Amino acid sequence: MMGEIKSDNREIDAAAIKRVFFPHAARRGEAVLKNGHRFVHYTSAEVATSILKNREVWMRNSTTMNDFMEVEYGLQCLKAAYDGLPSQLFNSVLSSCFSGAEDELRDRFNAWLPGMKAETYLTCFSEHSDSENELGRLSMWRAYGGQTGVALVLNAAPFFDETDVLKAYSSPVGYFTQEGFASHFLEVAKSLEANRDVLILLGRERVFHVLFNVLRFSVQCTKHPGFQEEREWRVIYVPSMHPSDKIKTSVECVRGTPQVIYKIPLKNHPEEGLLGLEIPELLERIIIGPSQHPQVLYQAFFKLLKDAGVQYPQDRIVVSDIPLR
């Protein structure tokens, strides 16, 4: 759905690029696919209704998310890692392949940093296992469900599609302390050291492009380990960096606060290799969470799915019986 950063060099495929430069994300993605997990979006019934009626998912600015340290926490971890051994090895490998590259990469990243902090737009999902199919996850109902919680369980395949149509990118969240982040960053540096031939084959500009994204995703997708049970993945869009003519924007009020919103259209673009985004293909099931009127919600979502072209909507709606009020 949101694509991977991939190589233009046909001799090195996207999966190989990801294993070398993004080892943590590669492992998480391989585990999701191997275990047959899906993704799930926990939200309110009101927001779920909007998604299904309007065929779009909103991305909000990272500064409005429930973790007030979004992006800033990842930046603190990256700065700490750059003061230690991980950065020494990272820069040593880079400079041995391309003279002066370490300073150029740092300067390029720092130049983009203010815009990245101000213009990171996100929508968030969670890994979903079979054991959660009937009840959902209690901690997520408590955090995101409100009085009428709904979970939209989604097919994971579009998240790993290699198309770059939307210019929005999916990535797992890493839950690290500063020490854990440094260990992860050292793993990346060692991977680069072991694959110098790949760096040289890709060439200076391509390596810069990928390593820039290594740094930016490490900032945009690092959270405090206290959030680890969420098993979060993010879809990230930075319009000033990679604008998309498919993603529209408007000003909307969210819980009384007017804000700029970017909207991912749930629409296929087969001519450009983007498939699986329309509701009958993307939405596997709806779990209606703890609420006072579950049958009213069931009837509403039955109609919404039918209107969206889903055959046998009753087979895709489950009412969780967790006794939460």
Protein backbone atom coordinates (compact mmCIF):
# COMPACT_ATOMS: atom_id res chain seq x y z
CA MET A 1 0.00 0.00 0.00
CA MET A 2 2.59 2.43 1.04
CA GLY A 3 5.63 0.95 -0.58
CA GLU A 4 9.18 0.33 0.50
CA ILE A 5 12.24 2.42 -0.19
CA LYS A 6 13.72 0.40 -3.03
CA SER A 7 16.66 0.35 -5.37
CA ASP A 8 16.61 1.57 -8.94
CA ASN A 9 19.48 -0.84 -9.61
CA ARG A 10 17.97 -4.03 -11.01
CA GLU A 11 20.87 -6.16 -9.74
CA ILE A 12 19.80 -5.58 -6.13
CA ASP A 13 16.15 -6.13 -5.31
CA ALA A 14 14.09 -4.29 -2.71
CA ALA A 15 14.17 -7.16 -0.21
CA ALA A 16 17.98 -7.25 -0.27
CA ILE A 17 18.15 -3.48 0.19
CA LYS A 18 15.87 -3.72 3.19
CA ARG A 19 17.86 -6.52 4.84
CA VAL A 20 21.10 -4.54 4.52
CA PHE A 21 19.89 -1.07 5.49
CA PHE A 22 16.75 -1.77 7.57
CA PRO A 23 17.42 -5.06 9.44
CA HIS A 24 14.87 -4.39 12.20
CA ALA A 25 12.09 -3.53 9.75
CA ALA A 26 13.00 -6.51 7.56
CA ARG A 27 12.68 -8.92 10.49
CA ARG A 28 9.37 -7.43 11.61
CA GLY A 29 7.93 -7.57 8.09
CA GLU A 30 9.08 -11.15 7.51
CA ALA A 31 7.53 -12.19 10.83
CA VAL A 32 4.18 -10.58 9.93
CA LEU A 33 4.06 -12.39 6.59
CA LYS A 34 5.34 -15.71 7.93
CA ASN A 35 2.85 -15.80 10.80
CA GLY A 36 -0.07 -14.70 8.64
CA HIS A 37 -0.73 -11.67 10.80
CA ARG A 38 -2.89 -8.83 9.67
CA PHE A 39 -2.93 -5.17 10.67
CA VAL A 40 -5.66 -3.56 12.74
CA HIS A 41 -6.75 0.01 13.30
CA TYR A 42 -8.41 0.61 16.67
CA THR A 43 -10.57 3.69 16.63
CA SER A 44 -14.01 5.05 17.48
CA ALA A 45 -17.17 4.02 15.65
CA GLU A 46 -17.44 7.59 14.35
CA VAL A 47 -14.01 7.48 12.71
CA ALA A 48 -14.57 3.96 11.37
CA THR A 49 -17.82 5.15 9.79
CA SER A 50 -15.99 8.04 8.13
CA ILE A 51 -13.33 5.70 6.73
CA LEU A 52 -15.92 3.36 5.20
CA LYS A 53 -18.27 6.07 3.89
CA ASN A 54 -15.60 8.33 2.42
CA ARG A 55 -13.19 5.56 1.33
CA GLU A 56 -10.23 7.35 2.86
CA VAL A 57 -7.89 7.21 5.85
CA TRP A 58 -6.72 10.41 7.49
CA MET A 59 -3.11 11.13 8.41
CA ARG A 60 -2.59 13.63 11.21
CA ASN A 61 0.45 15.65 12.19
CA SER A 62 2.73 13.77 14.58
CA THR A 63 2.49 16.63 17.10
CA THR A 64 -1.20 15.82 17.63
CA MET A 65 -0.72 12.13 18.46
CA ASN A 66 -1.38 10.62 21.88
CA ASP A 67 2.34 10.28 22.66
CA PHE A 68 3.39 13.92 23.01
CA MET A 69 7.04 12.92 22.40
CA GLU A 70 6.41 11.59 18.88
CA VAL A 71 9.44 12.23 16.63
CA GLU A 72 11.24 14.16 19.38
CA TYR A 73 11.95 10.95 21.33
CA GLY A 74 13.42 9.28 18.25
CA LEU A 75 15.57 12.33 17.59
CA GLN A 76 16.94 12.23 21.13
CA CYS A 77 17.86 8.56 20.65
CA LEU A 78 19.55 9.26 17.32
CA LYS A 79 21.57 12.15 18.77
CA ALA A 80 22.76 9.93 21.63
CA ALA A 81 23.79 7.18 19.20
CA TYR A 82 25.71 9.71 17.11
CA ASP A 83 27.87 10.51 20.13
CA GLY A 84 29.05 6.92 20.52
CA LEU A 85 30.48 3.80 18.86
CA PRO A 86 27.56 3.17 16.46
CA SER A 87 28.16 6.49 14.70
CA GLN A 88 31.91 5.97 14.56
CA LEU A 89 31.53 2.68 12.69
CA PHE A 90 28.63 4.01 10.57
CA ASN A 91 30.65 7.04 9.43
CA SER A 92 33.84 5.03 8.96
CA VAL A 93 32.14 2.61 6.57
CA LEU A 94 30.43 5.40 4.68
CA SER A 95 33.62 7.45 4.24
CA SER A 96 35.58 4.37 3.14
CA CYS A 97 33.11 3.90 0.27
CA PHE A 98 32.54 7.54 -0.66
CA SER A 99 34.96 10.27 0.37
CA GLY A 100 33.40 12.95 2.56
CA ALA A 101 30.03 11.20 2.51
CA GLU A 102 29.56 11.13 6.28
CA ASP A 103 29.60 14.94 6.57
CA GLU A 104 27.42 15.40 3.51
CA LEU A 105 24.79 12.95 4.81
CA ARG A 106 24.74 14.60 8.25
CA ASP A 107 24.37 18.07 6.74
CA ARG A 108 21.61 16.94 4.38
CA PHE A 109 19.70 15.31 7.23
CA ASN A 110 20.08 18.34 9.51
CA ALA A 111 18.85 20.62 6.74
CA TRP A 112 15.66 18.60 6.40
CA LEU A 113 15.12 18.11 10.14
CA PRO A 114 13.02 21.24 10.91
CA GLY A 115 10.58 20.42 8.10
CA MET A 116 10.48 16.78 9.13
CA LYS A 117 9.58 17.70 12.72
CA ALA A 118 6.86 20.08 11.56
CA GLU A 119 5.49 18.05 8.64
CA THR A 120 5.43 14.38 9.58
CA TYR A 121 1.91 13.04 9.02
CA LEU A 122 0.97 9.61 10.34
CA THR A 123 -1.70 7.01 10.53
CA CYS A 124 -1.12 4.10 12.85
CA PHE A 125 -1.92 0.39 12.80
CA SER A 126 -1.14 -2.57 15.02
CA GLU A 127 -0.14 -6.14 14.28
CA HIS A 128 -3.15 -8.42 14.66
CA SER A 129 -2.95 -12.12 15.51
CA ASP A 130 -5.54 -14.87 15.15
CA SER A 131 -5.99 -15.04 18.93
CA GLU A 132 -7.46 -11.51 18.81
CA ASN A 133 -10.02 -12.22 16.08
CA GLU A 134 -13.04 -12.48 18.38
CA LEU A 135 -12.28 -10.16 21.28
CA GLY A 136 -9.70 -7.69 20.07
CA ARG A 137 -6.99 -6.46 22.45
CA LEU A 138 -8.13 -5.09 25.80
CA SER A 139 -5.32 -2.55 26.14
CA MET A 140 -6.15 -1.10 22.71
CA TRP A 141 -9.87 -0.86 23.50
CA ARG A 142 -8.95 1.07 26.64
CA ALA A 143 -6.53 3.40 24.84
CA TYR A 144 -8.39 4.06 21.59
CA GLY A 145 -11.92 2.71 21.75
CA GLY A 146 -13.68 5.33 23.81
CA GLN A 147 -17.34 4.58 24.47
CA THR A 148 -17.90 2.98 21.04
CA GLY A 149 -14.69 1.27 20.01
CA VAL A 150 -14.28 -0.39 16.63
CA ALA A 151 -11.32 -2.34 15.23
CA LEU A 152 -10.80 -2.52 11.47
CA VAL A 153 -8.76 -5.65 10.65
CA LEU A 154 -6.88 -5.24 7.39
CA ASN A 155 -5.12 -7.44 4.88
CA ALA A 156 -1.38 -6.85 5.37
CA ALA A 157 -0.31 -7.37 1.75
CA PRO A 158 -0.77 -3.76 0.54
CA PHE A 159 1.55 -2.52 3.29
CA PHE A 160 4.39 -4.44 1.66
CA ASP A 161 3.63 -3.50 -1.93
CA GLU A 162 6.68 -2.12 -3.69
CA THR A 163 4.82 0.58 -5.61
CA ASP A 164 5.72 4.18 -4.90
CA VAL A 165 2.45 5.67 -6.13
CA LEU A 166 1.34 7.33 -2.90
CA LYS A 167 4.75 8.54 -1.67
CA ALA A 168 3.69 7.35 1.80
CA TYR A 169 5.70 4.61 3.45
CA SER A 170 4.93 1.86 5.94
CA SER A 171 7.37 1.05 8.72
CA PRO A 172 7.28 -0.80 12.05
CA VAL A 173 7.82 1.15 15.25
CA GLY A 174 10.90 0.30 17.29
CA TYR A 175 10.43 0.42 21.06
CA PHE A 176 13.86 1.36 22.36
CA THR A 177 15.58 2.93 25.29
CA GLN A 178 18.53 5.07 24.25
CA GLU A 179 20.79 2.08 24.91
CA GLY A 180 18.54 -0.20 22.85
CA PHE A 181 18.47 2.32 20.02
CA ALA A 182 22.27 2.49 20.06
CA SER A 183 22.44 -1.31 19.76
CA HIS A 184 20.04 -1.20 16.81
CA PHE A 185 22.05 1.57 15.15
CA LEU A 186 25.23 -0.45 15.67
CA GLU A 187 23.54 -3.40 13.96
CA VAL A 188 22.88 -1.18 10.93
CA ALA A 189 26.50 -0.01 10.91
CA LYS A 190 27.78 -3.60 11.07
CA SER A 191 25.41 -4.58 8.26
CA LEU A 192 26.83 -1.77 6.11
CA GLU A 193 30.36 -2.87 6.98
CA ALA A 194 29.60 -6.45 5.91
CA ASN A 195 28.01 -5.25 2.65
CA ARG A 196 30.41 -2.61 1.35
CA ASP A 197 30.13 -4.19 -2.10
CA VAL A 198 26.40 -3.43 -2.09
CA LEU A 199 27.03 0.21 -1.20
CA ILE A 200 29.60 0.61 -3.97
CA LEU A 201 27.34 -1.11 -6.51
CA LEU A 202 24.43 1.18 -5.63
CA GLY A 203 26.56 4.30 -5.93
CA ARG A 204 26.92 7.45 -3.88
CA GLU A 205 23.57 9.15 -4.58
CA ARG A 206 21.49 6.00 -4.17
CA VAL A 207 23.22 5.14 -0.90
CA PHE A 208 22.63 8.70 0.30
CA HIS A 209 18.94 8.37 -0.52
CA VAL A 210 18.57 5.10 1.38
CA LEU A 211 20.69 6.14 4.37
CA PHE A 212 18.78 9.40 4.64
CA ASN A 213 15.66 7.28 5.03
CA VAL A 214 17.40 5.07 7.57
CA LEU A 215 17.95 8.18 9.69
CA ARG A 216 14.51 9.69 9.15
CA PHE A 217 12.60 6.48 9.84
CA SER A 218 14.69 5.95 12.98
CA VAL A 219 13.43 9.36 14.16
CA GLN A 220 9.83 8.96 12.96
CA CYS A 221 9.38 5.35 14.13
CA THR A 222 11.00 5.12 17.56
CA LYS A 223 8.87 5.13 20.69
CA HIS A 224 9.37 4.66 24.38
CA PRO A 225 9.36 0.94 25.32
CA GLY A 226 6.35 1.57 27.55
CA PHE A 227 4.21 1.47 24.38
CA GLN A 228 5.59 -1.89 23.21
CA GLU A 229 2.37 -3.87 23.63
CA GLU A 230 0.81 -1.82 20.82
CA ARG A 231 3.00 -3.60 18.20
CA GLU A 232 2.57 -0.55 16.02
CA TRP A 233 3.25 0.09 12.35
CA ARG A 234 3.02 3.52 10.80
CA VAL A 235 2.21 4.95 7.43
CA ILE A 236 4.29 8.10 7.09
CA TYR A 237 3.89 11.00 4.72
CA VAL A 238 6.07 14.13 4.53
CA PRO A 239 4.46 16.32 1.84
CA SER A 240 7.34 18.79 1.64
CA MET A 241 9.74 15.92 0.97
CA HIS A 242 7.76 13.53 -1.26
CA PRO A 243 4.53 15.18 -2.47
CA SER A 244 1.86 12.92 -3.98
CA ASP A 245 -0.87 13.94 -6.39
CA LYS A 246 -2.97 11.02 -5.09
CA ILE A 247 -3.10 12.22 -1.48
CA LYS A 248 -5.44 15.14 -0.85
CA THR A 249 -5.45 17.62 2.01
CA SER A 250 -7.97 19.73 3.89
CA VAL A 251 -8.52 21.44 7.23
CA GLU A 252 -10.72 19.40 9.57
CA CYS A 253 -11.76 19.67 13.20
CA VAL A 254 -10.61 16.71 15.29
CA ARG A 255 -12.00 16.75 18.84
CA GLY A 256 -12.51 20.49 18.52
CA THR A 257 -9.06 21.34 17.15
CA PRO A 258 -8.85 22.57 13.53
CA GLN A 259 -5.84 21.00 11.81
CA VAL A 260 -4.37 20.12 8.43
CA ILE A 261 -5.20 16.54 7.43
CA TYR A 262 -3.84 14.42 4.58
CA LYS A 263 -6.11 11.72 3.19
CA ILE A 264 -5.10 8.35 1.76
CA PRO A 265 -7.71 7.32 -0.82
CA LEU A 266 -8.81 3.69 -0.53
CA LYS A 267 -8.64 3.26 -4.27
CA ASN A 268 -6.63 0.94 -6.50
CA HIS A 269 -4.35 2.22 -9.24
CA PRO A 270 -3.70 -0.95 -11.23
CA GLU A 271 -1.97 0.91 -14.05
CA GLU A 272 0.69 1.96 -11.53
CA GLY A 273 0.88 -1.31 -9.61
CA LEU A 274 -1.18 -0.31 -6.57
CA LEU A 275 -3.75 -2.97 -5.70
CA GLY A 276 -5.62 -4.23 -2.66
CA LEU A 277 -6.63 -0.83 -1.27
CA GLU A 278 -10.36 -0.93 -1.94
CA ILE A 279 -12.58 -1.91 0.96
CA PRO A 280 -13.75 -5.36 -0.24
CA GLU A 281 -10.10 -6.43 -0.62
CA LEU A 282 -8.49 -4.46 2.20
CA LEU A 283 -10.95 -4.98 5.05
CA GLU A 284 -10.97 -8.49 6.47
CA ARG A 285 -13.28 -7.91 9.42
CA ILE A 286 -14.73 -5.40 11.81
CA ILE A 287 -14.63 -6.08 15.54
CA ILE A 288 -17.21 -4.05 17.42
CA GLY A 289 -15.74 -3.30 20.82
CA PRO A 290 -17.32 -2.80 24.21
CA SER A 291 -20.22 -0.39 23.86
CA GLN A 292 -23.75 0.25 25.11
CA HIS A 293 -25.39 -0.42 21.75
CA PRO A 294 -23.47 -3.20 19.94
CA GLN A 295 -26.46 -4.28 17.83
CA VAL A 296 -27.06 -0.74 16.62
CA LEU A 297 -23.40 -0.59 15.56
CA TYR A 298 -23.68 -4.01 13.91
CA GLN A 299 -26.61 -2.86 11.76
CA ALA A 300 -24.80 0.35 10.81
CA PHE A 301 -21.59 -1.40 9.76
CA PHE A 302 -23.53 -4.10 7.92
CA LYS A 303 -25.04 -1.37 5.73
CA LEU A 304 -21.72 0.45 5.31
CA LEU A 305 -20.01 -2.73 4.13
CA LYS A 306 -22.85 -3.56 1.77
CA ASP A 307 -22.72 -0.04 0.32
CA ALA A 308 -18.96 -0.48 -0.16
CA GLY A 309 -19.50 -3.56 -2.31
CA VAL A 310 -18.74 -6.23 0.27
CA GLN A 311 -20.63 -9.48 -0.31
CA TYR A 312 -21.99 -11.24 2.78
CA PRO A 313 -21.17 -8.40 5.24
CA GLN A 314 -22.37 -10.53 8.14
CA ASP A 315 -19.31 -12.74 7.70
CA ARG A 316 -17.00 -9.82 8.36
CA ILE A 317 -18.49 -8.36 11.53
CA VAL A 318 -17.77 -9.66 15.03
CA VAL A 319 -19.04 -8.26 18.32
CA SER A 320 -16.50 -8.47 21.12
CA ASP A 321 -18.00 -9.52 24.42
CA ILE A 322 -15.30 -8.07 26.68
CA PRO A 323 -17.30 -6.63 29.61
CA LEU A 324 -15.61 -3.25 29.56
CA ARG A 325 -17.49 -0.07 30.35
